């Protein structure tokens, strides 16, 4: 099946709320997911992302609000009547069943004909590159292979939507990176709507068409990965997604003033005068060694540096005492500053974001 064949699988959440006693786990969450879209719910523990996913799946009922599948209200339907594919972190494979038997299980529960079951199982196992391992048992397989079995079992009955609850959380870093690429490729091949829960920002940014960042039961921002990273809408998103320099500034007459009332490069500001924060990613902060004082930068010196393989992280302290971080790729080590060197920190106005809350 190709992505162009898929006509269903749109999910709409309308004002979902879920309370546990006096604690609000999900607070007025609304979200529209297009058919065939890959969207990640990203946030720290306790942000409400898994509870939101479980309400879509039907394992949790909201206190208020609605879940719609292709404009049909499924809020009160039990999980087995929603026909959604679900993959949990522990995969929940049956240890006494072979790979083929695990994948066939949802079809047997739907009382499909034996020939149809065999055809579907063979096709989906080939699609996830497990066709030669159909007679193995889960304990005979690696974590990555088990994860692919879980995906095959969730896809074999052709659900319109696939829900994934931190399916890579138990794997080591290298395997996670490999499998996230496989899931992304599989999404393109099968064209299913996928809603993916994770606390790992790298996973969310690398895999998703859009990312919904959650905090304290609410969605703080829903955007394409590049916009989540480059244009966060508030301080929580800026600080949670990637490393960031946060510089206290004052907005006066459309000009951004930093420490010691110095004018700082930033996009034009047309709002009222107020206190704000300038957000700048470390890779966009440039350190120019030994330059004379510059009207377009901040004077200071290097007070620390850390080699991290492909890059070096520099800690910069300005003359006013502010500390900033710069990330420089290790392309030409000869030109890099060293601890104690005086430098001017600068950046392009277009790389900065002004946050007022």
Foldseek 3Di string as FASTA:
>chain_A
DFLVVFDWFKKWWAQFWADDVPATQAGGETDIFDQLFEEEAAEDPSLNRVVVLCQQQQVDATPDTFMDTRNHTCRNPHNVVLQAFEAEQVLPFDQVQFLLCSLLVVVVVVVDDPVLSVVLSCVLCVVLVNNVRRGHGPVVDDLLVSLSSSVSSRPSVPGQEYEYEPNCVVDDDVSSVVVLVVVLVSSRGSSHHYYYYDNDLVSRLVRGQWYFYGGSNYTQDIDHSVCLAQPPAADVSLPSRADKDKFKWWQDPQFTAGPVRQTEQAPTDDDDTDIWIKIAHQQQKDKAFPDDDDSHWFKWFWADWDDDDQWIKTWTAGPSGDIDIHIGGPPDVVRDDDHPTITTIHGHRSRMYIHHD
